[in-house]
Protein backbone atom coordinates (compact mmCIF):
# COMPACT_ATOMS: atom_id res chain seq x y z
CA MET A 1 -18.90 -3.01 -0.99
CA LEU A 2 -16.64 -6.04 -1.25
CA ILE A 3 -16.81 -5.93 -5.06
CA ILE A 4 -15.58 -2.34 -4.98
CA ILE A 5 -12.60 -3.37 -2.84
CA TRP A 6 -11.74 -6.24 -5.22
CA ARG A 7 -11.98 -3.95 -8.26
CA PHE A 8 -9.70 -1.46 -6.53
CA MET A 9 -7.22 -4.25 -5.76
CA VAL A 10 -7.24 -5.40 -9.40
CA GLU A 11 -6.54 -1.87 -10.58
CA TRP A 12 -3.80 -1.52 -7.95
CA HIS A 13 -2.11 -4.73 -9.11
CA LYS A 14 -2.33 -3.62 -12.75
CA LYS A 15 -0.60 -0.36 -11.82
CA GLN A 16 2.04 -2.27 -9.85
CA LEU A 17 2.74 -4.53 -12.83
CA GLN A 18 2.96 -1.54 -15.15
CA GLU A 19 5.40 0.23 -12.82
CA ILE A 20 7.51 -2.91 -12.46
CA MET A 21 7.64 -3.36 -16.24
CA GLU A 22 8.63 0.29 -16.73
CA ALA A 23 11.26 0.07 -13.99
CA GLU A 24 12.67 -3.11 -15.50
CA SER A 25 12.97 -1.49 -18.92
CA GLN A 26 14.62 1.56 -17.37
CA VAL A 27 17.11 -0.61 -15.50
CA GLN A 28 17.98 -2.44 -18.72
CA GLU A 29 18.30 0.89 -20.49
CA ALA A 30 20.46 2.27 -17.71
CA ASN A 31 22.71 -0.79 -17.84
CA CYS A 32 23.27 -0.19 -21.54
CA LYS A 33 24.17 3.47 -21.22
CA ILE A 34 25.12 4.70 -17.78
CA THR A 35 27.06 7.63 -19.06
CA GLY A 36 26.55 11.25 -18.09
CA ASP A 37 23.10 12.76 -17.75
CA SER A 38 21.16 9.82 -19.16
CA GLY A 39 21.97 7.62 -16.14
CA LEU A 40 21.02 10.42 -13.77
CA ARG A 41 17.76 11.08 -15.64
CA ALA A 42 16.86 7.39 -15.59
CA THR A 43 17.55 7.22 -11.86
CA MET A 44 15.45 10.31 -11.19
CA LYS A 45 12.60 8.97 -13.32
CA LEU A 46 12.73 5.65 -11.49
CA GLU A 47 12.69 7.47 -8.15
CA MET A 48 9.61 9.46 -9.21
CA GLU A 49 7.83 6.27 -10.28
CA CYS A 50 8.67 4.70 -6.92
CA LEU A 51 7.21 7.71 -5.13
CA LYS A 52 4.02 7.42 -7.19
CA CYS A 53 3.85 3.73 -6.34
CA GLU A 54 4.30 4.55 -2.65
CA LYS A 55 1.43 7.05 -2.78
CA CYS A 56 -0.85 4.48 -4.43
CA PHE A 57 0.09 1.96 -1.77
CA VAL A 58 -0.65 4.42 1.04
CA ASP A 59 -4.00 5.21 -0.60
CA TRP A 60 -4.75 1.50 -0.78
CA ILE A 61 -3.88 1.02 2.90
CA ASN A 62 -6.13 3.95 3.82
CA ALA A 63 -8.96 2.44 1.76
CA GLN A 64 -8.50 -0.85 3.64
CA LYS A 65 -8.62 0.99 6.98
CA SER A 66 -11.80 2.78 5.94
CA PHE A 67 -13.34 -0.51 4.85
CA ILE A 68 -12.51 -2.12 8.22
CA LYS A 69 -14.01 0.87 10.07
CA PHE A 70 -17.13 0.59 7.91
CA LEU A 71 -17.43 -3.14 8.65
CA ASN A 72 -16.91 -2.51 12.35
CA ARG A 73 -19.67 0.12 12.45
CA TRP A 74 -21.96 -2.17 10.47
CA LEU A 75 -21.30 -5.07 12.85
CA ILE A 76 -21.90 -2.91 15.90
CA LYS A 77 -25.24 -1.78 14.45
CA SER A 78 -26.14 -5.37 13.60
CA ILE A 79 -25.52 -6.80 17.05
CA THR A 80 -28.56 -6.44 19.24
CA ARG A 81 -27.89 -5.21 22.74
CA GLU A 82 -31.04 -6.67 24.24
CA ASN A 83 -30.75 -9.55 26.68
CA GLU A 84 -31.94 -12.81 25.26
CA GLU A 85 -34.48 -14.65 27.36
CA THR A 86 -34.68 -18.40 27.69
CA ARG A 87 -37.06 -20.59 29.67
CA ASN A 88 -34.57 -20.47 32.55
CA GLY A 89 -34.08 -16.68 32.41
CA ILE A 90 -31.40 -14.58 30.68
CA ALA A 91 -29.04 -16.53 28.41
CA HIS A 92 -25.48 -16.75 29.75
CA PHE A 93 -23.86 -15.59 26.52
CA SER A 94 -26.40 -13.07 25.38
CA PRO A 95 -24.89 -10.13 23.40
CA GLY A 96 -26.48 -7.83 25.95
CA ARG A 97 -24.43 -9.42 28.72
CA VAL A 98 -21.10 -9.43 26.88
């Protein structure tokens, strides 16, 4: 499961880099010709790319939340709830007593 998360993060960072590179080229292009409709189109295109980036980020956050919930459920299943016995009786810090 951890490998899947790392692969997702690599893909996410690749997309971020691609968006940054595209935005940088658009800013340079806009600086060269900020006249009329071309400046407005470049701004709108940049805004759309930012919205796509935001959606990817929200999806990534949701994936992280799901992963944490999965880990939490797995840990809860893994912890035994039975009292541990020692020679002197029940252990003081047994998971069953916590």
